N, C-alpha and C. Protein backbone atom coordinates (compact mmCIF):
# COMPACT_ATOMS: atom_id res chain seq x y z
N MET A 1 -5.02 -2.83 -20.05
CA MET A 1 -4.62 -1.91 -19.36
C MET A 1 -5.59 -1.73 -17.92
N SER A 2 -6.47 -1.57 -18.29
CA SER A 2 -7.67 -1.64 -17.03
C SER A 2 -7.73 -2.90 -16.38
N ARG A 3 -6.97 -4.29 -16.27
CA ARG A 3 -7.00 -5.03 -15.78
C ARG A 3 -6.08 -4.99 -14.36
N TRP A 4 -4.99 -4.18 -14.78
CA TRP A 4 -3.48 -3.91 -14.24
C TRP A 4 -3.91 -3.17 -13.20
N PHE A 5 -4.75 -1.78 -13.88
CA PHE A 5 -5.20 -0.86 -12.42
C PHE A 5 -6.00 -1.19 -11.70
N VAL A 6 -7.33 -1.66 -12.33
CA VAL A 6 -7.88 -2.36 -11.29
C VAL A 6 -7.53 -3.15 -10.29
N CYS A 7 -6.26 -4.10 -10.72
CA CYS A 7 -6.25 -4.66 -9.52
C CYS A 7 -4.89 -4.03 -8.47
N PHE A 8 -4.30 -3.30 -9.60
CA PHE A 8 -3.68 -2.44 -8.28
C PHE A 8 -4.43 -1.65 -7.46
N LEU A 9 -5.80 -0.85 -7.93
CA LEU A 9 -6.83 -0.59 -7.02
C LEU A 9 -7.25 -1.64 -5.95
N PHE A 10 -7.80 -2.72 -6.55
CA PHE A 10 -8.39 -3.40 -5.18
C PHE A 10 -7.73 -3.96 -4.29
N TYR A 11 -6.64 -4.46 -4.69
CA TYR A 11 -5.87 -5.07 -4.00
C TYR A 11 -4.85 -4.24 -3.03
N SER A 12 -4.58 -2.57 -3.38
CA SER A 12 -3.90 -1.41 -2.38
C SER A 12 -5.25 -1.19 -1.44
N PHE A 13 -6.52 -1.48 -1.80
CA PHE A 13 -7.81 -0.95 -0.80
C PHE A 13 -7.63 -2.22 0.21
N ALA A 14 -7.73 -3.46 -0.40
CA ALA A 14 -7.98 -4.87 0.53
C ALA A 14 -6.74 -4.56 1.18
N GLY A 15 -5.33 -4.33 0.94
CA GLY A 15 -4.16 -4.42 1.71
C GLY A 15 -4.66 -3.12 3.35
N PHE A 16 -5.13 -1.67 2.71
CA PHE A 16 -5.36 -1.15 3.45
C PHE A 16 -6.39 -1.04 4.53
N GLY A 17 -7.25 -2.04 4.39
CA GLY A 17 -8.03 -3.25 5.42
C GLY A 17 -7.58 -3.66 5.96
N LEU A 18 -6.55 -4.59 5.56
CA LEU A 18 -5.88 -5.62 6.40
C LEU A 18 -4.67 -4.92 7.34
N GLU A 19 -4.27 -3.40 6.32
CA GLU A 19 -3.59 -2.91 7.83
C GLU A 19 -4.77 -2.30 8.59
N LYS A 20 -5.19 -1.91 8.52
CA LYS A 20 -6.58 -1.01 9.85
C LYS A 20 -7.02 -2.13 10.69
N LEU A 21 -7.30 -3.66 10.35
CA LEU A 21 -7.78 -4.61 10.93
C LEU A 21 -6.46 -4.96 11.84
N HIS A 22 -5.21 -4.84 11.36
CA HIS A 22 -4.27 -5.35 11.91
C HIS A 22 -3.87 -4.57 13.15
N ALA A 23 -3.73 -3.37 13.32
CA ALA A 23 -3.77 -2.45 13.92
C ALA A 23 -4.55 -2.02 14.97
N HIS A 24 -5.77 -2.33 14.80
CA HIS A 24 -6.86 -2.28 15.56
C HIS A 24 -6.95 -4.06 16.62
N LEU A 25 -6.64 -5.17 15.82
CA LEU A 25 -6.31 -6.10 16.75
C LEU A 25 -5.43 -6.30 17.61
N PHE A 26 -4.42 -5.85 16.94
CA PHE A 26 -2.46 -5.39 17.73
C PHE A 26 -3.03 -4.37 18.79
N ARG A 27 -3.70 -3.49 18.76
CA ARG A 27 -4.14 -2.34 19.37
C ARG A 27 -2.41 -1.47 19.04
N SER A 28 -2.48 -1.39 18.16
CA SER A 28 -1.04 -0.34 17.38
C SER A 28 -1.33 0.59 17.89
N PRO A 29 -0.53 1.16 18.28
CA PRO A 29 -0.39 3.03 18.74
C PRO A 29 -0.44 3.86 17.05
N ARG A 30 0.06 3.18 15.94
CA ARG A 30 -0.26 4.14 14.82
C ARG A 30 -1.13 3.14 14.33
N GLN A 31 -2.52 3.58 14.49
CA GLN A 31 -3.74 3.39 13.82
C GLN A 31 -4.17 4.22 12.42
N VAL A 32 -3.04 5.38 11.88
CA VAL A 32 -3.17 5.79 10.75
C VAL A 32 -1.65 5.07 9.92
N ARG A 33 -2.21 4.32 8.81
CA ARG A 33 -1.36 3.35 8.33
C ARG A 33 -1.89 2.96 6.82
N LYS A 34 -1.25 4.30 5.95
CA LYS A 34 -1.77 4.13 4.70
C LYS A 34 -0.87 5.05 3.89
N CYS A 35 -0.84 4.94 2.72
CA CYS A 35 0.30 5.65 1.68
C CYS A 35 -0.26 7.01 0.87
N PHE A 36 -1.35 7.11 1.52
CA PHE A 36 -1.79 8.09 0.62
C PHE A 36 -2.50 9.15 1.60
N LEU A 37 -2.85 10.61 1.33
CA LEU A 37 -3.64 11.64 1.93
C LEU A 37 -4.80 11.06 2.23
N LEU A 38 -5.54 11.05 1.01
CA LEU A 38 -6.99 11.10 0.71
C LEU A 38 -7.70 9.63 0.91
N LEU A 39 -6.98 8.91 -0.24
CA LEU A 39 -7.37 7.66 -0.88
C LEU A 39 -7.40 6.44 0.41
N PRO A 40 -7.97 5.32 0.47
CA PRO A 40 -7.68 4.58 1.66
C PRO A 40 -6.91 3.57 0.92
N LEU A 41 -5.68 3.66 0.67
CA LEU A 41 -4.62 2.63 -0.40
C LEU A 41 -3.37 2.15 0.16
N CYS A 42 -2.98 1.04 -0.06
CA CYS A 42 -1.79 0.83 0.37
C CYS A 42 -1.38 0.27 -0.82
N PRO A 43 -0.28 1.19 -1.78
CA PRO A 43 0.05 0.60 -2.67
C PRO A 43 1.05 -0.76 -2.62
N VAL A 44 1.74 -0.83 -1.53
CA VAL A 44 2.42 -2.12 -1.75
C VAL A 44 1.93 -3.34 -1.78
N TYR A 45 0.71 -3.44 -1.70
CA TYR A 45 -0.52 -4.57 -1.95
C TYR A 45 -0.47 -4.96 -3.41
N GLY A 46 -0.86 -3.14 -4.01
CA GLY A 46 -1.23 -3.59 -5.51
C GLY A 46 -0.15 -3.88 -6.00
N LEU A 47 1.08 -3.19 -5.78
CA LEU A 47 2.04 -3.68 -6.85
C LEU A 47 2.54 -4.99 -6.54
N ALA A 48 2.28 -5.34 -5.17
CA ALA A 48 2.65 -6.66 -4.99
C ALA A 48 1.86 -7.78 -5.45
N MET A 49 0.53 -7.87 -5.80
CA MET A 49 -0.54 -8.64 -6.51
C MET A 49 0.21 -8.20 -7.94
N ALA A 50 0.08 -7.35 -8.75
CA ALA A 50 0.27 -7.03 -10.03
C ALA A 50 1.97 -7.84 -9.97
N ALA A 51 2.78 -7.55 -9.54
CA ALA A 51 3.87 -8.33 -9.64
C ALA A 51 3.59 -9.70 -9.99
N LEU A 52 2.82 -10.36 -9.17
CA LEU A 52 2.57 -11.77 -9.00
C LEU A 52 1.61 -12.20 -9.89
N LEU A 53 0.78 -11.71 -10.60
CA LEU A 53 -0.04 -11.80 -11.67
C LEU A 53 1.00 -11.86 -13.05
N ALA A 54 1.72 -10.78 -12.76
CA ALA A 54 2.59 -10.68 -14.23
C ALA A 54 3.78 -12.05 -14.00
N LEU A 55 4.37 -12.64 -12.92
CA LEU A 55 5.11 -13.57 -13.36
C LEU A 55 4.49 -14.89 -12.53
N ALA A 56 3.14 -15.14 -12.12
CA ALA A 56 2.60 -16.72 -11.72
C ALA A 56 2.41 -17.25 -12.96
N PRO A 57 2.83 -18.70 -13.57
CA PRO A 57 2.29 -18.96 -14.64
C PRO A 57 0.83 -19.49 -14.50
N GLU A 58 -0.04 -20.04 -15.04
CA GLU A 58 -1.13 -20.77 -15.31
C GLU A 58 -1.13 -21.93 -14.62
N GLY A 59 -1.71 -22.85 -13.47
CA GLY A 59 -1.87 -23.94 -13.17
C GLY A 59 -1.34 -24.31 -12.23
N LEU A 60 -0.27 -23.32 -11.24
CA LEU A 60 0.25 -23.89 -9.92
C LEU A 60 -0.38 -24.57 -9.25
N GLY A 61 -0.06 -25.32 -8.31
CA GLY A 61 -0.81 -25.90 -7.23
C GLY A 61 -0.43 -24.91 -6.39
N PHE A 62 -1.70 -24.56 -5.11
CA PHE A 62 -1.40 -23.91 -4.08
C PHE A 62 -0.35 -23.37 -3.50
N ILE A 63 0.43 -24.48 -3.06
CA ILE A 63 1.57 -24.86 -1.79
C ILE A 63 2.65 -23.83 -2.94
N THR A 64 2.71 -24.41 -4.34
CA THR A 64 4.07 -23.34 -5.15
C THR A 64 3.75 -21.60 -5.23
N LEU A 65 2.18 -21.71 -5.14
CA LEU A 65 1.72 -20.45 -5.51
C LEU A 65 1.99 -19.64 -4.47
N ALA A 66 1.86 -20.25 -3.50
CA ALA A 66 1.97 -19.86 -2.09
C ALA A 66 3.74 -19.26 -1.82
N LEU A 67 4.18 -20.09 -2.30
CA LEU A 67 6.17 -19.82 -1.94
C LEU A 67 6.17 -18.97 -2.93
N LEU A 68 5.98 -19.38 -4.24
CA LEU A 68 6.11 -17.99 -5.44
C LEU A 68 5.72 -16.30 -4.62
N GLY A 69 4.59 -16.80 -4.12
CA GLY A 69 3.66 -15.35 -3.67
C GLY A 69 4.57 -15.06 -2.55
N GLY A 70 4.88 -15.47 -1.79
CA GLY A 70 6.14 -15.11 -0.57
C GLY A 70 7.15 -14.12 -1.19
N ALA A 71 7.98 -14.84 -1.98
CA ALA A 71 8.74 -13.82 -2.54
C ALA A 71 8.80 -12.91 -3.14
N VAL A 72 7.68 -12.98 -3.96
CA VAL A 72 7.52 -11.84 -5.10
C VAL A 72 7.47 -10.67 -3.95
N CYS A 73 5.84 -11.12 -3.09
CA CYS A 73 5.28 -9.65 -2.54
C CYS A 73 6.68 -9.59 -1.46
N THR A 74 7.16 -10.43 -0.86
CA THR A 74 8.68 -9.95 -0.01
C THR A 74 9.47 -9.26 -0.88
N GLY A 75 9.56 -9.47 -2.14
CA GLY A 75 11.10 -8.56 -2.82
C GLY A 75 10.32 -7.03 -3.15
N VAL A 76 8.79 -7.39 -3.43
CA VAL A 76 7.98 -6.05 -3.68
C VAL A 76 8.31 -5.38 -2.49
N GLU A 77 8.02 -5.77 -1.60
CA GLU A 77 7.82 -4.97 -0.13
C GLU A 77 9.32 -4.41 0.19
N TYR A 78 10.16 -4.84 0.00
CA TYR A 78 11.67 -4.65 0.48
C TYR A 78 12.20 -3.64 -0.53
N LEU A 79 11.73 -3.53 -1.77
CA LEU A 79 12.29 -2.39 -2.84
C LEU A 79 10.83 -1.07 -2.68
N VAL A 80 9.51 -1.33 -2.19
CA VAL A 80 8.58 -0.19 -1.99
C VAL A 80 9.55 0.27 -0.85
N HIS A 81 10.01 -0.35 0.25
CA HIS A 81 10.48 -0.02 1.38
C HIS A 81 12.00 1.31 1.18
N LEU A 82 12.21 0.40 0.30
CA LEU A 82 13.65 1.40 0.24
C LEU A 82 13.57 2.60 -0.69
N PHE A 83 12.72 2.44 -1.39
CA PHE A 83 12.23 3.58 -2.25
C PHE A 83 11.62 4.67 -1.20
N TYR A 84 10.65 4.52 -0.64
CA TYR A 84 10.10 5.24 0.37
C TYR A 84 11.46 5.80 1.56
N ASP A 85 12.00 5.06 2.22
CA ASP A 85 13.75 5.42 2.64
C ASP A 85 14.24 6.61 1.77
N LYS A 86 14.45 6.04 0.80
CA LYS A 86 15.15 7.08 0.25
C LYS A 86 15.31 7.76 -0.33
N ALA A 87 13.86 7.77 -1.14
CA ALA A 87 13.56 8.88 -1.54
C ALA A 87 12.72 10.21 -1.20
N LEU A 88 11.75 8.99 0.11
CA LEU A 88 11.40 9.95 0.52
C LEU A 88 11.42 10.63 2.21
N GLY A 89 12.38 9.57 2.81
CA GLY A 89 12.96 9.60 3.96
C GLY A 89 12.07 9.38 4.98
N VAL A 90 10.68 8.35 4.46
CA VAL A 90 9.98 7.50 5.48
C VAL A 90 10.04 6.59 5.97
N TRP A 91 9.92 5.77 6.76
CA TRP A 91 9.09 4.54 6.86
C TRP A 91 7.85 4.36 7.20
N PHE A 92 7.02 3.51 6.34
CA PHE A 92 5.76 2.89 6.43
C PHE A 92 5.71 1.92 7.48
N TRP A 93 6.70 0.83 7.96
CA TRP A 93 6.17 -0.02 8.45
C TRP A 93 7.77 -0.44 8.86
N ASP A 94 7.82 -0.71 9.75
CA ASP A 94 9.10 -1.23 10.84
C ASP A 94 9.50 -2.94 11.28
N TYR A 95 10.11 -3.70 10.81
CA TYR A 95 9.99 -4.68 11.55
C TYR A 95 11.23 -5.35 12.06
N ARG A 96 12.19 -4.44 12.77
CA ARG A 96 13.03 -4.53 13.38
C ARG A 96 13.06 -5.49 14.70
N LEU A 97 11.51 -5.17 15.57
CA LEU A 97 11.24 -6.05 16.11
C LEU A 97 11.71 -7.52 16.12
N MET A 98 11.32 -8.17 14.61
CA MET A 98 10.76 -9.29 14.09
C MET A 98 12.23 -10.24 14.54
N ARG A 99 12.07 -11.53 14.54
CA ARG A 99 13.24 -12.35 14.24
C ARG A 99 13.45 -12.38 12.89
N GLY A 100 14.66 -12.46 12.12
CA GLY A 100 15.13 -12.41 11.20
C GLY A 100 14.89 -11.73 10.32
N HIS A 101 14.78 -10.39 10.64
CA HIS A 101 14.48 -9.32 9.54
C HIS A 101 15.37 -9.03 9.08
N ILE A 102 15.48 -8.01 7.68
CA ILE A 102 16.37 -7.51 7.09
C ILE A 102 16.34 -6.22 7.38
N ARG A 103 17.09 -5.52 7.76
CA ARG A 103 17.14 -4.11 7.32
C ARG A 103 15.50 -3.79 8.24
N GLY A 104 14.62 -4.10 8.90
CA GLY A 104 13.66 -3.82 9.33
C GLY A 104 12.53 -3.67 8.34
N ARG A 105 12.86 -3.99 6.92
CA ARG A 105 11.95 -3.90 5.62
C ARG A 105 11.34 -5.09 5.51
N ILE A 106 11.77 -6.41 6.04
CA ILE A 106 11.50 -7.92 5.66
C ILE A 106 11.42 -8.26 6.82
N CYS A 107 10.70 -9.50 7.11
CA CYS A 107 10.75 -10.55 7.86
C CYS A 107 10.08 -11.60 7.12
N PRO A 108 10.85 -12.97 7.71
CA PRO A 108 10.10 -14.16 7.57
C PRO A 108 8.55 -14.61 8.00
N GLN A 109 8.15 -13.64 8.82
CA GLN A 109 7.29 -14.51 9.31
C GLN A 109 6.01 -13.67 8.52
N PHE A 110 6.13 -12.63 7.99
CA PHE A 110 5.46 -11.88 7.12
C PHE A 110 5.69 -12.53 5.69
N THR A 111 6.70 -12.80 5.39
CA THR A 111 6.66 -13.41 4.01
C THR A 111 5.66 -14.73 4.11
N ALA A 112 5.72 -15.60 5.16
CA ALA A 112 4.90 -16.54 5.13
C ALA A 112 3.30 -16.27 5.01
N ILE A 113 3.04 -15.27 5.51
CA ILE A 113 1.99 -14.45 5.26
C ILE A 113 1.62 -14.08 4.35
N TRP A 114 2.47 -13.26 3.97
CA TRP A 114 1.72 -12.89 2.29
C TRP A 114 1.46 -13.82 1.22
N GLY A 115 2.92 -14.96 1.21
CA GLY A 115 2.40 -16.22 0.36
C GLY A 115 1.29 -17.13 0.45
N LEU A 116 0.80 -17.06 1.76
CA LEU A 116 -0.35 -17.79 1.99
C LEU A 116 -1.57 -16.52 1.59
N LEU A 117 -1.66 -15.62 1.50
CA LEU A 117 -2.49 -14.38 1.50
C LEU A 117 -2.60 -14.12 -0.19
N SER A 118 -1.58 -14.39 -0.70
CA SER A 118 -1.65 -14.09 -2.10
C SER A 118 -1.98 -15.24 -2.93
N ALA A 119 -1.48 -16.15 -2.25
CA ALA A 119 -2.50 -17.55 -2.92
C ALA A 119 -3.68 -17.93 -2.95
N ALA A 120 -3.89 -17.53 -1.75
CA ALA A 120 -5.63 -17.64 -2.06
C ALA A 120 -6.25 -16.15 -2.57
N ALA A 121 -5.50 -15.14 -2.57
CA ALA A 121 -6.18 -14.04 -3.43
C ALA A 121 -5.93 -14.43 -4.94
N LEU A 122 -4.91 -14.65 -5.49
CA LEU A 122 -5.46 -15.42 -6.63
C LEU A 122 -5.98 -16.30 -7.09
N ARG A 123 -6.32 -17.29 -6.32
CA ARG A 123 -7.11 -18.55 -6.62
C ARG A 123 -8.78 -18.34 -6.58
N TRP A 124 -9.00 -17.67 -5.30
CA TRP A 124 -10.30 -17.32 -5.47
C TRP A 124 -11.03 -15.97 -5.46
N VAL A 125 -9.97 -14.89 -5.59
CA VAL A 125 -10.57 -13.58 -5.26
C VAL A 125 -10.19 -12.70 -6.91
N GLN A 126 -9.17 -13.42 -7.44
CA GLN A 126 -8.79 -12.71 -8.62
C GLN A 126 -9.80 -12.99 -9.80
N PRO A 127 -10.63 -13.90 -9.92
CA PRO A 127 -11.63 -14.35 -10.95
C PRO A 127 -12.89 -12.75 -10.76
N ALA A 128 -12.77 -12.37 -9.69
CA ALA A 128 -13.63 -11.52 -9.53
C ALA A 128 -12.87 -10.23 -9.76
N VAL A 129 -12.04 -9.87 -9.79
CA VAL A 129 -11.14 -8.68 -10.08
C VAL A 129 -11.28 -8.52 -11.32
N ASP A 130 -11.13 -9.54 -12.03
CA ASP A 130 -10.58 -9.71 -13.17
C ASP A 130 -11.95 -9.34 -14.32
N ALA A 131 -13.21 -10.05 -13.33
CA ALA A 131 -14.84 -9.29 -13.98
C ALA A 131 -14.88 -8.16 -13.69
N LEU A 132 -14.80 -7.33 -12.64
CA LEU A 132 -14.68 -6.48 -12.14
C LEU A 132 -14.12 -5.25 -13.31
N ALA A 133 -12.71 -5.70 -13.47
CA ALA A 133 -12.07 -4.81 -14.49
C ALA A 133 -12.11 -5.04 -15.91
N ALA A 134 -13.26 -5.90 -16.36
CA ALA A 134 -13.67 -6.37 -17.89
C ALA A 134 -15.26 -5.41 -17.90
N ALA A 135 -15.64 -5.21 -16.40
CA ALA A 135 -17.28 -4.64 -16.38
C ALA A 135 -16.83 -2.76 -16.29
N ALA A 136 -15.61 -2.58 -15.94
CA ALA A 136 -15.60 -1.13 -15.66
C ALA A 136 -15.41 -0.36 -16.70
N PRO A 137 -16.42 0.87 -16.64
CA PRO A 137 -16.33 1.84 -17.56
C PRO A 137 -15.31 2.45 -17.80
N PRO A 138 -14.96 2.50 -18.64
CA PRO A 138 -13.32 3.64 -19.08
C PRO A 138 -13.49 4.81 -18.83
N ARG A 139 -14.54 5.71 -18.97
CA ARG A 139 -14.45 6.77 -18.16
C ARG A 139 -14.46 6.93 -16.33
N LEU A 140 -14.95 6.19 -16.03
CA LEU A 140 -14.87 5.69 -14.75
C LEU A 140 -13.37 5.66 -14.36
N LEU A 141 -12.65 4.92 -15.03
CA LEU A 141 -11.18 4.34 -14.86
C LEU A 141 -10.51 6.04 -15.19
N PHE A 142 -10.77 6.54 -16.19
CA PHE A 142 -9.93 7.78 -16.19
C PHE A 142 -10.09 9.07 -15.30
N TRP A 143 -11.37 8.90 -14.20
CA TRP A 143 -11.33 9.51 -13.09
C TRP A 143 -10.62 9.24 -12.50
N LEU A 144 -10.35 7.96 -12.01
CA LEU A 144 -9.81 7.20 -10.99
C LEU A 144 -8.56 7.22 -11.20
N TRP A 145 -8.03 7.31 -12.13
CA TRP A 145 -6.67 7.92 -12.34
C TRP A 145 -6.51 9.20 -12.25
N VAL A 146 -7.36 10.28 -12.64
CA VAL A 146 -6.90 11.47 -12.15
C VAL A 146 -6.79 11.94 -10.99
N VAL A 147 -7.86 10.88 -9.85
CA VAL A 147 -8.02 11.18 -8.34
C VAL A 147 -6.67 10.72 -7.82
N LEU A 148 -6.32 9.65 -8.54
CA LEU A 148 -5.14 8.84 -7.88
C LEU A 148 -3.79 9.64 -8.38
N ALA A 149 -3.61 10.14 -9.14
CA ALA A 149 -2.33 10.70 -9.65
C ALA A 149 -2.53 12.21 -8.60
N ALA A 150 -3.06 12.72 -8.09
CA ALA A 150 -3.10 13.75 -7.77
C ALA A 150 -3.32 13.17 -6.38
N ASP A 151 -3.69 12.72 -5.63
CA ASP A 151 -3.51 12.31 -4.41
C ASP A 151 -2.26 11.99 -4.22
N SER A 152 -1.73 11.15 -5.19
CA SER A 152 0.01 10.85 -5.13
C SER A 152 0.75 12.05 -4.92
N ALA A 153 0.21 12.68 -5.72
CA ALA A 153 1.76 14.02 -6.24
C ALA A 153 1.28 14.79 -4.64
N LEU A 154 -0.18 15.21 -4.08
CA LEU A 154 -0.24 15.77 -3.04
C LEU A 154 0.69 15.00 -1.73
N SER A 155 0.42 13.70 -1.64
CA SER A 155 1.14 12.68 -0.78
C SER A 155 1.96 13.18 -1.01
N TRP A 156 3.26 12.89 -1.99
CA TRP A 156 4.81 12.76 -2.39
C TRP A 156 4.91 14.09 -1.76
N SER A 157 4.39 15.54 -1.97
CA SER A 157 4.98 16.68 -1.65
C SER A 157 4.75 16.79 -0.24
N LEU A 158 3.78 16.41 0.46
CA LEU A 158 3.92 16.64 2.09
C LEU A 158 4.96 15.25 2.53
N LEU A 159 5.16 14.48 1.90
CA LEU A 159 5.97 13.30 2.50
C LEU A 159 7.29 14.01 2.66
N ARG A 160 7.61 14.25 1.22
CA ARG A 160 9.01 14.58 0.69
C ARG A 160 9.46 16.05 1.53
N ARG A 161 8.35 17.06 1.88
CA ARG A 161 8.70 17.95 2.82
C ARG A 161 8.84 17.63 4.37
N TYR A 162 8.18 17.09 4.86
CA TYR A 162 8.12 17.16 6.37
C TYR A 162 8.22 15.60 6.53
N ARG A 163 8.25 14.89 5.99
CA ARG A 163 8.84 12.93 6.23
C ARG A 163 8.49 12.72 7.35
N ASP A 164 6.76 13.01 7.53
CA ASP A 164 6.22 12.71 8.78
C ASP A 164 5.11 11.94 8.06
N THR A 165 4.79 10.32 8.14
CA THR A 165 3.80 9.80 7.64
C THR A 165 2.68 10.08 8.36
N GLU A 166 2.54 10.20 9.66
CA GLU A 166 1.16 10.47 10.61
C GLU A 166 1.10 11.95 9.93
N LEU A 167 1.08 12.96 9.38
CA LEU A 167 0.62 13.97 8.52
C LEU A 167 -0.27 13.70 7.46
N LEU A 168 -0.32 12.22 7.01
CA LEU A 168 -1.33 11.51 5.93
C LEU A 168 -2.64 11.37 6.24
N THR A 169 -3.15 12.57 6.88
CA THR A 169 -4.94 12.51 7.12
C THR A 169 -5.40 14.10 7.10
N VAL A 170 -6.41 14.42 6.45
CA VAL A 170 -6.74 15.15 6.00
C VAL A 170 -6.90 16.39 7.15
N ARG A 171 -7.02 15.87 8.91
CA ARG A 171 -6.99 16.09 9.60
C ARG A 171 -5.64 16.65 10.24
N ALA A 172 -4.43 15.90 9.79
CA ALA A 172 -3.33 16.48 10.49
C ALA A 172 -2.96 17.48 9.63
N VAL A 173 -3.35 17.64 7.87
CA VAL A 173 -2.89 18.51 7.61
C VAL A 173 -3.36 19.99 7.59
N TRP A 174 -5.05 19.50 7.97
CA TRP A 174 -5.69 20.61 8.66
C TRP A 174 -5.24 21.63 9.75
N ALA A 175 -4.88 20.66 10.66
CA ALA A 175 -4.25 20.65 11.20
C ALA A 175 -2.96 22.09 11.67
N TYR A 176 -2.10 21.52 10.58
CA TYR A 176 -1.03 21.79 10.59
C TYR A 176 -0.89 23.04 10.16
N TYR A 177 -1.58 23.25 9.13
CA TYR A 177 -1.52 24.48 8.31
C TYR A 177 -2.85 25.50 9.05
N SER A 178 -3.62 25.03 10.13
CA SER A 178 -4.02 26.24 10.65
C SER A 178 -3.43 26.74 11.64
N ARG A 179 -2.40 25.90 12.12
CA ARG A 179 -1.31 26.06 13.18
C ARG A 179 -0.43 27.60 12.80
N ALA A 180 0.01 26.97 11.40
CA ALA A 180 0.77 27.70 10.97
C ALA A 180 0.43 28.90 10.17
N SER A 181 -0.68 28.98 10.19
CA SER A 181 -1.49 30.01 9.36
C SER A 181 -1.58 31.42 10.93
N SER A 182 -2.13 30.57 11.90
CA SER A 182 -2.23 31.15 13.01
C SER A 182 -1.18 31.88 13.69
N GLN A 183 0.21 30.95 13.53
CA GLN A 183 1.43 32.01 13.98
C GLN A 183 1.83 32.82 13.12
N SER A 184 1.75 32.74 11.53
CA SER A 184 1.97 34.02 10.80
C SER A 184 1.30 34.93 10.98
N ASP A 185 -0.68 35.33 11.24
CA ASP A 185 -1.21 36.08 11.71
C ASP A 185 -0.90 36.87 12.69
N THR A 186 -0.09 35.85 14.00
CA THR A 186 0.34 36.67 15.41
C THR A 186 1.78 37.15 14.82
N SER A 187 2.30 36.78 13.58
CA SER A 187 3.92 37.46 13.44
C SER A 187 3.75 38.86 12.27
N LEU A 188 2.43 38.79 12.32
CA LEU A 188 2.42 40.46 11.68
C LEU A 188 2.01 41.54 12.75
């Protein structure tokens, strides 16, 4: 079980880093691209890599692994986007400006990128992630579960109530509640 949890955390964090790098390189107006309030995690990456680990047989060549990785990661990306949209009424990404997109949820350009990145990660990064999982103290993993669960619950409630992904920063939440508090003070 610790292998899957560490894998999820590692690739969710790596995905957050990729999102920040992408936003910086392309000067995105949306610099806050994550899915948790406090934790620097993008769970779609962790879920996609966990699914690929579960489905990819040993000994696949790089090209075959990249094709499988592109398909699996894109499938997970579609399902996660659909879930965010239907359950929370939010979109964390939008591919409607990309050629060949499907409902803005997935596009062939990123399918190719996910395939190459996931194959490279399984081939060259995953052995280190497995070693990290094997060495992780159970007590640390327990507390990471607790923190992840608390942050997930808080993030879920904020998204469900306000349907605004830009609110998922401590600064934005603080500003929102400070304004709400000062407005209620003046109404008394």
